[in-house]
Amino acid sequence: MNRQRLSPLALAAVGAVVVACTEVTNPDALPIGFVTIAAQRAGTGYTASPVGTFYRASGLGIPTAAAPWDSCRQQSYSAKAIGLGEVYPFISAGTSIQVRFGARTDSLFPIAVGRDQQYKLRGASIPYTPGDSVSVTIPGHSGGFPAASFRAKTAEALSIASFTEPPTGTRLDLRWNSGHDLNNTVAVSFRYGALGADTLNWQVICQFKDDGADSIPGRYMAAWSQGRVKTWAASRVRTYVLPVAGGGYFDFISTFDLAAPTAR
């Protein structure tokens, strides 16, 4: 299977993917599962929103944050994510999935979203501490996703040092609290309205090793600076990929997301 790298901000979106329940006809399709734990600040504490999605797919790259590259690129931006369920069929992973943080255990249940389904909490989110270990138990379903269980460490809280818009043509030096983990990466997305647009429609997206410092070249920052509206967002992403029965894979994705400032 091709394990293509995707941008971490795209990885974070995997947790919100909804997938259609359709008949599986491709004999080469394999079971592929994701559990994403997206975390953010909430007042003086933190909350997390676990989501599980499971597919029968062929040719689907497995997103991983390991060994990230230090680079930037420009690409279109849309606030609306494209669901993988538009391409790959949903499969059941059991009646519920258990997620355990410390002494607390919560269950994720399959919930219909339009024509689609995803495993979610019955509440909006749960309190937790970034960097803590989490245990996930997937009971599995005959003919669907196989049973699996694992324990992993979640992404630590991300903090980026304040910065000002650099002079035109000069680079932006970024500093953040490093994670020092080969399974970590940090991504930033500088979003703006290209060609004088009043809405965010383009972005400079950069993926960095989680070592606490890197730079964005001046040519990219110039494009962002010229936008009539602009904002930015950042995520720390930690992933673990495990093989499962039937030749498939399970991908655990833990993110800590910084809320984007208001576009200006």
C-alpha atoms as a PDB file:
ATOM      1  CA  MET A   1       0.000   0.000   0.000  1.00  0.00           C
ATOM      2  CA  ASN A   2       1.230   3.477  -0.863  1.00  0.00           C
ATOM      3  CA  ARG A   3       1.715   5.504   2.335  1.00  0.00           C
ATOM      4  CA  GLN A   4       1.532   8.955   0.833  1.00  0.00           C
ATOM      5  CA  ARG A   5       2.256  11.925   3.092  1.00  0.00           C
ATOM      6  CA  LEU A   6      -0.503  14.490   3.506  1.00  0.00           C
ATOM      7  CA  SER A   7      -0.267  17.863   5.199  1.00  0.00           C
ATOM      8  CA  PRO A   8      -0.919  17.713   8.977  1.00  0.00           C
ATOM      9  CA  LEU A   9      -3.773  20.188   8.726  1.00  0.00           C
ATOM     10  CA  ALA A  10      -5.319  17.745   6.266  1.00  0.00           C
ATOM     11  CA  LEU A  11      -4.596  14.921   8.700  1.00  0.00           C
ATOM     12  CA  ALA A  12      -6.457  16.773  11.380  1.00  0.00           C
ATOM     13  CA  ALA A  13      -9.430  16.984   9.052  1.00  0.00           C
ATOM     14  CA  VAL A  14      -9.508  13.185   8.776  1.00  0.00           C
ATOM     15  CA  GLY A  15     -11.155  13.137  12.189  1.00  0.00           C
ATOM     16  CA  ALA A  16     -14.114  15.042  10.773  1.00  0.00           C
ATOM     17  CA  VAL A  17     -14.491  12.879   7.682  1.00  0.00           C
ATOM     18  CA  VAL A  18     -17.828  11.179   7.190  1.00  0.00           C
ATOM     19  CA  VAL A  19     -18.050   8.080   5.028  1.00  0.00           C
ATOM     20  CA  ALA A  20     -20.861   6.635   2.985  1.00  0.00           C
ATOM     21  CA  CYS A  21     -22.219   3.167   3.689  1.00  0.00           C
ATOM     22  CA  THR A  22     -22.229   1.443   0.303  1.00  0.00           C
ATOM     23  CA  GLU A  23     -21.775  -2.065  -1.028  1.00  0.00           C
ATOM     24  CA  VAL A  24     -18.152  -3.165  -1.340  1.00  0.00           C
ATOM     25  CA  THR A  25     -17.392  -4.609  -4.779  1.00  0.00           C
ATOM     26  CA  ASN A  26     -13.609  -4.185  -5.096  1.00  0.00           C
ATOM     27  CA  PRO A  27     -11.983  -7.525  -4.145  1.00  0.00           C
ATOM     28  CA  ASP A  28      -8.642  -5.757  -3.526  1.00  0.00           C
ATOM     29  CA  ALA A  29     -10.077  -3.296  -0.995  1.00  0.00           C
ATOM     30  CA  LEU A  30      -8.628  -3.479   2.522  1.00  0.00           C
ATOM     31  CA  PRO A  31      -9.985  -2.374   5.912  1.00  0.00           C
ATOM     32  CA  ILE A  32      -8.642   1.077   6.808  1.00  0.00           C
ATOM     33  CA  GLY A  33      -9.503   2.795  10.094  1.00  0.00           C
ATOM     34  CA  PHE A  34      -8.845   6.171  11.706  1.00  0.00           C
ATOM     35  CA  VAL A  35      -9.348   7.440  15.227  1.00  0.00           C
ATOM     36  CA  THR A  36      -8.524  11.108  15.526  1.00  0.00           C
ATOM     37  CA  ILE A  37      -8.341  12.973  18.827  1.00  0.00           C
ATOM     38  CA  ALA A  38      -8.477  16.694  18.124  1.00  0.00           C
ATOM     39  CA  ALA A  39      -7.637  18.829  21.148  1.00  0.00           C
ATOM     40  CA  GLN A  40      -7.769  22.530  21.880  1.00  0.00           C
ATOM     41  CA  ARG A  41      -7.739  24.985  24.750  1.00  0.00           C
ATOM     42  CA  ALA A  42     -10.996  25.555  26.641  1.00  0.00           C
ATOM     43  CA  GLY A  43     -10.747  28.338  29.204  1.00  0.00           C
ATOM     44  CA  THR A  44      -7.993  27.387  31.656  1.00  0.00           C
ATOM     45  CA  GLY A  45      -8.063  23.720  30.603  1.00  0.00           C
ATOM     46  CA  TYR A  46      -8.240  21.544  27.508  1.00  0.00           C
ATOM     47  CA  THR A  47     -10.858  19.465  25.732  1.00  0.00           C
ATOM     48  CA  ALA A  48     -10.648  16.700  23.139  1.00  0.00           C
ATOM     49  CA  SER A  49     -13.077  15.399  20.540  1.00  0.00           C
ATOM     50  CA  PRO A  50     -12.367  11.771  19.494  1.00  0.00           C
ATOM     51  CA  VAL A  51     -13.815  10.602  16.163  1.00  0.00           C
ATOM     52  CA  GLY A  52     -13.567   7.202  14.474  1.00  0.00           C
ATOM     53  CA  THR A  53     -14.029   6.459  10.774  1.00  0.00           C
ATOM     54  CA  PHE A  54     -13.593   3.129   9.003  1.00  0.00           C
ATOM     55  CA  TYR A  55     -13.437   2.213   5.316  1.00  0.00           C
ATOM     56  CA  ARG A  56     -12.979  -0.537   2.804  1.00  0.00           C
ATOM     57  CA  ALA A  57     -10.509   0.959   0.339  1.00  0.00           C
ATOM     58  CA  SER A  58      -7.779   0.290  -2.177  1.00  0.00           C
ATOM     59  CA  GLY A  59      -5.006   2.717  -3.085  1.00  0.00           C
ATOM     60  CA  LEU A  60      -5.653   4.953  -0.073  1.00  0.00           C
ATOM     61  CA  GLY A  61      -2.428   6.398   1.337  1.00  0.00           C
ATOM     62  CA  ILE A  62      -2.011   6.135   5.101  1.00  0.00           C
ATOM     63  CA  PRO A  63      -1.320   9.609   6.546  1.00  0.00           C
ATOM     64  CA  THR A  64       1.684   9.696   8.855  1.00  0.00           C
ATOM     65  CA  ALA A  65       3.480  12.508  10.678  1.00  0.00           C
ATOM     66  CA  ALA A  66       6.733  10.534  10.970  1.00  0.00           C
ATOM     67  CA  ALA A  67       9.848  11.951   9.279  1.00  0.00           C
ATOM     68  CA  PRO A  68       8.174  15.144   8.044  1.00  0.00           C
ATOM     69  CA  TRP A  69       9.839  17.442   5.573  1.00  0.00           C
ATOM     70  CA  ASP A  70      10.615  21.107   6.192  1.00  0.00           C
ATOM     71  CA  SER A  71       8.928  22.873   3.304  1.00  0.00           C
ATOM     72  CA  CYS A  72       6.151  25.248   2.254  1.00  0.00           C
ATOM     73  CA  ARG A  73       3.846  25.391  -0.721  1.00  0.00           C
ATOM     74  CA  GLN A  74       0.897  27.420  -1.981  1.00  0.00           C
ATOM     75  CA  GLN A  75      -2.456  25.852  -2.674  1.00  0.00           C
ATOM     76  CA  SER A  76      -6.154  26.668  -2.697  1.00  0.00           C
ATOM     77  CA  TYR A  77      -8.008  26.834   0.608  1.00  0.00           C
ATOM     78  CA  SER A  78     -11.591  26.037   1.527  1.00  0.00           C
ATOM     79  CA  ALA A  79     -13.132  26.002   5.001  1.00  0.00           C
ATOM     80  CA  LYS A  80     -15.213  23.020   3.905  1.00  0.00           C
ATOM     81  CA  ALA A  81     -13.284  19.739   4.011  1.00  0.00           C
ATOM     82  CA  ILE A  82     -13.915  17.086   1.359  1.00  0.00           C
ATOM     83  CA  GLY A  83     -15.000  13.837   3.009  1.00  0.00           C
ATOM     84  CA  LEU A  84     -13.211  10.625   2.102  1.00  0.00           C
ATOM     85  CA  GLY A  85     -16.622   8.990   2.240  1.00  0.00           C
ATOM     86  CA  GLU A  86     -17.357  10.501  -1.133  1.00  0.00           C
ATOM     87  CA  VAL A  87     -14.916   7.932  -2.526  1.00  0.00           C
ATOM     88  CA  TYR A  88     -14.597   5.065  -0.027  1.00  0.00           C
ATOM     89  CA  PRO A  89     -17.390   3.004   1.593  1.00  0.00           C
ATOM     90  CA  PHE A  90     -17.980   3.028   5.328  1.00  0.00           C
ATOM     91  CA  ILE A  91     -17.672  -0.253   7.233  1.00  0.00           C
ATOM     92  CA  SER A  92     -18.731  -1.050  10.785  1.00  0.00           C
ATOM     93  CA  ALA A  93     -16.165  -1.412  13.574  1.00  0.00           C
ATOM     94  CA  GLY A  94     -18.696  -2.625  16.146  1.00  0.00           C
ATOM     95  CA  THR A  95     -21.489  -1.162  18.238  1.00  0.00           C
ATOM     96  CA  SER A  96     -19.166   1.295  20.008  1.00  0.00           C
ATOM     97  CA  ILE A  97     -15.499   2.187  20.489  1.00  0.00           C
ATOM     98  CA  GLN A  98     -13.961   2.752  23.939  1.00  0.00           C
ATOM     99  CA  VAL A  99     -11.495   5.592  24.534  1.00  0.00           C
ATOM    100  CA  ARG A 100      -9.761   5.704  27.913  1.00  0.00           C
ATOM    101  CA  PHE A 101      -7.825   8.650  29.389  1.00  0.00           C
ATOM    102  CA  GLY A 102      -6.423   7.750  32.803  1.00  0.00           C
ATOM    103  CA  ALA A 103      -9.325   6.501  34.930  1.00  0.00           C
ATOM    104  CA  ARG A 104     -11.972   7.880  32.569  1.00  0.00           C
ATOM    105  CA  THR A 105     -13.520   5.769  29.801  1.00  0.00           C
ATOM    106  CA  ASP A 106     -15.813   7.184  27.133  1.00  0.00           C
ATOM    107  CA  SER A 107     -17.650   5.457  24.311  1.00  0.00           C
ATOM    108  CA  LEU A 108     -17.923   6.531  20.688  1.00  0.00           C
ATOM    109  CA  PHE A 109     -21.091   5.483  18.884  1.00  0.00           C
ATOM    110  CA  PRO A 110     -21.866   5.388  15.153  1.00  0.00           C
ATOM    111  CA  ILE A 111     -23.908   8.456  14.287  1.00  0.00           C
ATOM    112  CA  ALA A 112     -25.555   9.159  10.950  1.00  0.00           C
ATOM    113  CA  VAL A 113     -24.557  12.447   9.334  1.00  0.00           C
ATOM    114  CA  GLY A 114     -26.693  12.803   6.256  1.00  0.00           C
ATOM    115  CA  ARG A 115     -25.983   9.640   4.249  1.00  0.00           C
ATOM    116  CA  ASP A 116     -22.810   8.999   6.223  1.00  0.00           C
ATOM    117  CA  GLN A 117     -21.621   7.716   9.594  1.00  0.00           C
ATOM    118  CA  GLN A 118     -18.825   8.355  12.052  1.00  0.00           C
ATOM    119  CA  TYR A 119     -18.089   7.185  15.592  1.00  0.00           C
ATOM    120  CA  LYS A 120     -18.514  10.096  17.994  1.00  0.00           C
ATOM    121  CA  LEU A 121     -19.164  11.013  21.600  1.00  0.00           C
ATOM    122  CA  ARG A 122     -22.759  11.582  22.605  1.00  0.00           C
ATOM    123  CA  GLY A 123     -21.517  14.845  24.102  1.00  0.00           C
ATOM    124  CA  ALA A 124     -19.523  17.575  22.393  1.00  0.00           C
ATOM    125  CA  SER A 125     -16.097  16.897  23.947  1.00  0.00           C
ATOM    126  CA  ILE A 126     -14.288  15.580  27.025  1.00  0.00           C
ATOM    127  CA  PRO A 127     -11.698  17.179  29.340  1.00  0.00           C
ATOM    128  CA  TYR A 128      -8.169  15.842  29.120  1.00  0.00           C
ATOM    129  CA  THR A 129      -4.484  16.661  29.534  1.00  0.00           C
ATOM    130  CA  PRO A 130      -2.370  17.038  26.352  1.00  0.00           C
ATOM    131  CA  GLY A 131       0.509  14.560  26.250  1.00  0.00           C
ATOM    132  CA  ASP A 132      -1.310  11.937  28.331  1.00  0.00           C
ATOM    133  CA  SER A 133      -1.581   8.366  27.115  1.00  0.00           C
ATOM    134  CA  VAL A 134      -4.831   7.107  25.651  1.00  0.00           C
ATOM    135  CA  SER A 135      -6.124   3.571  25.177  1.00  0.00           C
ATOM    136  CA  VAL A 136      -8.488   2.755  22.319  1.00  0.00           C
ATOM    137  CA  THR A 137     -10.452  -0.496  22.039  1.00  0.00           C
ATOM    138  CA  ILE A 138     -12.199  -1.364  18.780  1.00  0.00           C
ATOM    139  CA  PRO A 139     -14.453  -4.441  19.126  1.00  0.00           C
ATOM    140  CA  GLY A 140     -14.604  -5.015  15.383  1.00  0.00           C
ATOM    141  CA  HIS A 141     -17.402  -6.371  13.229  1.00  0.00           C
ATOM    142  CA  SER A 142     -17.681  -9.504  11.115  1.00  0.00           C
ATOM    143  CA  GLY A 143     -17.207  -8.484   7.502  1.00  0.00           C
ATOM    144  CA  GLY A 144     -16.228  -4.981   8.582  1.00  0.00           C
ATOM    145  CA  PHE A 145     -13.219  -3.585  10.425  1.00  0.00           C
ATOM    146  CA  PRO A 146     -11.344  -6.171  12.550  1.00  0.00           C
ATOM    147  CA  ALA A 147     -10.947  -5.947  16.322  1.00  0.00           C
ATOM    148  CA  ALA A 148      -7.972  -3.886  17.478  1.00  0.00           C
ATOM    149  CA  SER A 149      -6.650  -2.238  20.615  1.00  0.00           C
ATOM    150  CA  PHE A 150      -3.647  -0.062  21.364  1.00  0.00           C
ATOM    151  CA  ARG A 151      -2.203   2.521  23.741  1.00  0.00           C
ATOM    152  CA  ALA A 152      -0.456   5.672  22.552  1.00  0.00           C
ATOM    153  CA  LYS A 153       0.663   9.103  23.685  1.00  0.00           C
ATOM    154  CA  THR A 154      -1.323  12.134  22.583  1.00  0.00           C
ATOM    155  CA  ALA A 155       0.112  15.352  21.170  1.00  0.00           C
ATOM    156  CA  GLU A 156       1.331  17.909  23.687  1.00  0.00           C
ATOM    157  CA  ALA A 157      -0.090  21.430  23.778  1.00  0.00           C
ATOM    158  CA  LEU A 158       1.312  23.697  21.075  1.00  0.00           C
ATOM    159  CA  SER A 159       2.394  27.256  21.757  1.00  0.00           C
ATOM    160  CA  ILE A 160       3.788  29.538  19.043  1.00  0.00           C
ATOM    161  CA  ALA A 161       5.780  32.631  20.001  1.00  0.00           C
ATOM    162  CA  SER A 162       4.121  35.888  18.970  1.00  0.00           C
ATOM    163  CA  PHE A 163       5.301  37.320  15.666  1.00  0.00           C
ATOM    164  CA  THR A 164       4.677  40.347  13.485  1.00  0.00           C
ATOM    165  CA  GLU A 165       4.146  40.509   9.753  1.00  0.00           C
ATOM    166  CA  PRO A 166       7.625  40.701   8.193  1.00  0.00           C
ATOM    167  CA  PRO A 167       8.647  43.416   5.718  1.00  0.00           C
ATOM    168  CA  THR A 168       7.857  42.522   2.116  1.00  0.00           C
ATOM    169  CA  GLY A 169      10.367  40.065   0.670  1.00  0.00           C
ATOM    170  CA  THR A 170      11.784  38.911   4.008  1.00  0.00           C
ATOM    171  CA  ARG A 171      11.295  35.579   5.715  1.00  0.00           C
ATOM    172  CA  LEU A 172       9.248  34.896   8.824  1.00  0.00           C
ATOM    173  CA  ASP A 173      11.092  33.075  11.621  1.00  0.00           C
ATOM    174  CA  LEU A 174       8.748  30.930  13.702  1.00  0.00           C
ATOM    175  CA  ARG A 175       9.424  29.639  17.219  1.00  0.00           C
ATOM    176  CA  TRP A 176       7.342  27.163  19.208  1.00  0.00           C
ATOM    177  CA  ASN A 177       7.634  24.753  22.138  1.00  0.00           C
ATOM    178  CA  SER A 178       9.302  21.684  20.620  1.00  0.00           C
ATOM    179  CA  GLY A 179       7.880  18.186  20.976  1.00  0.00           C
ATOM    180  CA  HIS A 180      11.061  16.182  20.228  1.00  0.00           C
ATOM    181  CA  ASP A 181       9.211  13.138  18.922  1.00  0.00           C
ATOM    182  CA  LEU A 182       9.745  11.371  15.595  1.00  0.00           C
ATOM    183  CA  ASN A 183       5.988  10.835  15.454  1.00  0.00           C
ATOM    184  CA  ASN A 184       5.343  14.589  15.672  1.00  0.00           C
ATOM    185  CA  THR A 185       5.068  17.307  13.093  1.00  0.00           C
ATOM    186  CA  VAL A 186       3.950  20.931  13.252  1.00  0.00           C
ATOM    187  CA  ALA A 187       2.048  22.621  10.446  1.00  0.00           C
ATOM    188  CA  VAL A 188       1.049  26.212   9.899  1.00  0.00           C
ATOM    189  CA  SER A 189      -1.400  27.522   7.346  1.00  0.00           C
ATOM    190  CA  PHE A 190      -1.312  31.198   6.341  1.00  0.00           C
ATOM    191  CA  ARG A 191      -4.683  31.752   4.672  1.00  0.00           C
ATOM    192  CA  TYR A 192      -5.593  34.757   2.564  1.00  0.00           C
ATOM    193  CA  GLY A 193      -7.843  36.151  -0.123  1.00  0.00           C
ATOM    194  CA  ALA A 194      -5.892  35.926  -3.369  1.00  0.00           C
ATOM    195  CA  LEU A 195      -6.372  38.411  -6.223  1.00  0.00           C
ATOM    196  CA  GLY A 196      -8.176  40.897  -4.001  1.00  0.00           C
ATOM    197  CA  ALA A 197     -10.849  38.428  -2.844  1.00  0.00           C
ATOM    198  CA  ASP A 198     -12.817  39.291   0.297  1.00  0.00           C
ATOM    199  CA  THR A 199     -12.872  35.661   1.401  1.00  0.00           C
ATOM    200  CA  LEU A 200     -10.093  33.232   2.314  1.00  0.00           C
ATOM    201  CA  ASN A 201      -9.429  31.182  -0.837  1.00  0.00           C
ATOM    202  CA  TRP A 202      -5.670  30.486  -0.898  1.00  0.00           C
ATOM    203  CA  GLN A 203      -2.996  29.467   1.591  1.00  0.00           C
ATOM    204  CA  VAL A 204       0.684  29.007   2.249  1.00  0.00           C
ATOM    205  CA  ILE A 205       0.950  25.703   4.104  1.00  0.00           C
ATOM    206  CA  CYS A 206       4.175  24.599   5.768  1.00  0.00           C
ATOM    207  CA  GLN A 207       5.080  21.322   7.464  1.00  0.00           C
ATOM    208  CA  PHE A 208       7.990  21.308   9.897  1.00  0.00           C
ATOM    209  CA  LYS A 209       9.895  18.880  12.054  1.00  0.00           C
ATOM    210  CA  ASP A 210       8.785  19.435  15.629  1.00  0.00           C
ATOM    211  CA  ASP A 211      12.121  20.855  16.787  1.00  0.00           C
ATOM    212  CA  GLY A 212      10.905  24.292  17.868  1.00  0.00           C
ATOM    213  CA  ALA A 213      12.104  26.574  15.069  1.00  0.00           C
ATOM    214  CA  ASP A 214      11.887  27.112  11.325  1.00  0.00           C
ATOM    215  CA  SER A 215      11.363  29.832   8.723  1.00  0.00           C
ATOM    216  CA  ILE A 216       8.929  30.656   5.942  1.00  0.00           C
ATOM    217  CA  PRO A 217      10.599  32.141   2.835  1.00  0.00           C
ATOM    218  CA  GLY A 218       9.888  35.762   1.952  1.00  0.00           C
ATOM    219  CA  ARG A 219       8.225  34.954  -1.381  1.00  0.00           C
ATOM    220  CA  TYR A 220       5.487  33.050   0.448  1.00  0.00           C
ATOM    221  CA  MET A 221       4.985  35.676   3.118  1.00  0.00           C
ATOM    222  CA  ALA A 222       4.720  38.375   0.435  1.00  0.00           C
ATOM    223  CA  ALA A 223       1.706  36.618  -1.091  1.00  0.00           C
ATOM    224  CA  TRP A 224       0.051  36.376   2.326  1.00  0.00           C
ATOM    225  CA  SER A 225       0.816  39.997   3.213  1.00  0.00           C
ATOM    226  CA  GLN A 226      -0.865  41.241   0.031  1.00  0.00           C
ATOM    227  CA  GLY A 227      -4.150  39.512   0.846  1.00  0.00           C
ATOM    228  CA  ARG A 228      -7.100  41.786   1.602  1.00  0.00           C
ATOM    229  CA  VAL A 229      -8.200  39.326   4.297  1.00  0.00           C
ATOM    230  CA  LYS A 230      -5.819  36.954   6.024  1.00  0.00           C
ATOM    231  CA  THR A 231      -5.439  34.717   9.036  1.00  0.00           C
ATOM    232  CA  TRP A 232      -3.390  31.741  10.151  1.00  0.00           C
ATOM    233  CA  ALA A 233      -3.775  28.430  11.984  1.00  0.00           C
ATOM    234  CA  ALA A 234      -1.395  25.820  13.386  1.00  0.00           C
ATOM    235  CA  SER A 235      -1.480  22.197  14.538  1.00  0.00           C
ATOM    236  CA  ARG A 236       0.831  19.739  16.251  1.00  0.00           C
ATOM    237  CA  VAL A 237       0.149  16.229  14.956  1.00  0.00           C
ATOM    238  CA  ARG A 238       1.254  12.864  16.338  1.00  0.00           C
ATOM    239  CA  THR A 239       0.428   9.621  14.497  1.00  0.00           C
ATOM    240  CA  TYR A 240       0.763   5.878  14.974  1.00  0.00           C
ATOM    241  CA  VAL A 241       0.068   3.360  12.216  1.00  0.00           C
ATOM    242  CA  LEU A 242      -0.706  -0.277  13.054  1.00  0.00           C
ATOM    243  CA  PRO A 243      -1.390  -3.276  10.795  1.00  0.00           C
ATOM    244  CA  VAL A 244      -4.698  -5.086  11.382  1.00  0.00           C
ATOM    245  CA  ALA A 245      -6.143  -8.420  10.312  1.00  0.00           C
ATOM    246  CA  GLY A 246      -7.133  -8.701   6.675  1.00  0.00           C
ATOM    247  CA  GLY A 247      -4.085  -6.819   5.413  1.00  0.00           C
ATOM    248  CA  GLY A 248      -5.413  -3.415   6.437  1.00  0.00           C
ATOM    249  CA  TYR A 249      -4.202  -0.603   8.663  1.00  0.00           C
ATOM    250  CA  PHE A 250      -5.307   1.451  11.620  1.00  0.00           C
ATOM    251  CA  ASP A 251      -4.131   5.063  11.879  1.00  0.00           C
ATOM    252  CA  PHE A 252      -4.269   6.906  15.230  1.00  0.00           C
ATOM    253  CA  ILE A 253      -4.006  10.684  14.788  1.00  0.00           C
ATOM    254  CA  SER A 254      -3.685  13.040  17.745  1.00  0.00           C
ATOM    255  CA  THR A 255      -3.724  16.784  17.111  1.00  0.00           C
ATOM    256  CA  PHE A 256      -3.468  19.915  19.177  1.00  0.00           C
ATOM    257  CA  ASP A 257      -4.956  22.808  17.238  1.00  0.00           C
ATOM    258  CA  LEU A 258      -4.450  26.513  17.745  1.00  0.00           C
ATOM    259  CA  ALA A 259      -7.559  28.528  16.938  1.00  0.00           C
ATOM    260  CA  ALA A 260      -7.039  30.834  13.977  1.00  0.00           C
ATOM    261  CA  PRO A 261      -7.196  34.565  14.741  1.00  0.00           C
ATOM    262  CA  THR A 262     -10.005  36.526  13.160  1.00  0.00           C
ATOM    263  CA  ALA A 263      -9.338  37.327   9.505  1.00  0.00           C
ATOM    264  CA  ARG A 264      -8.525  40.963   8.891  1.00  0.00           C
END
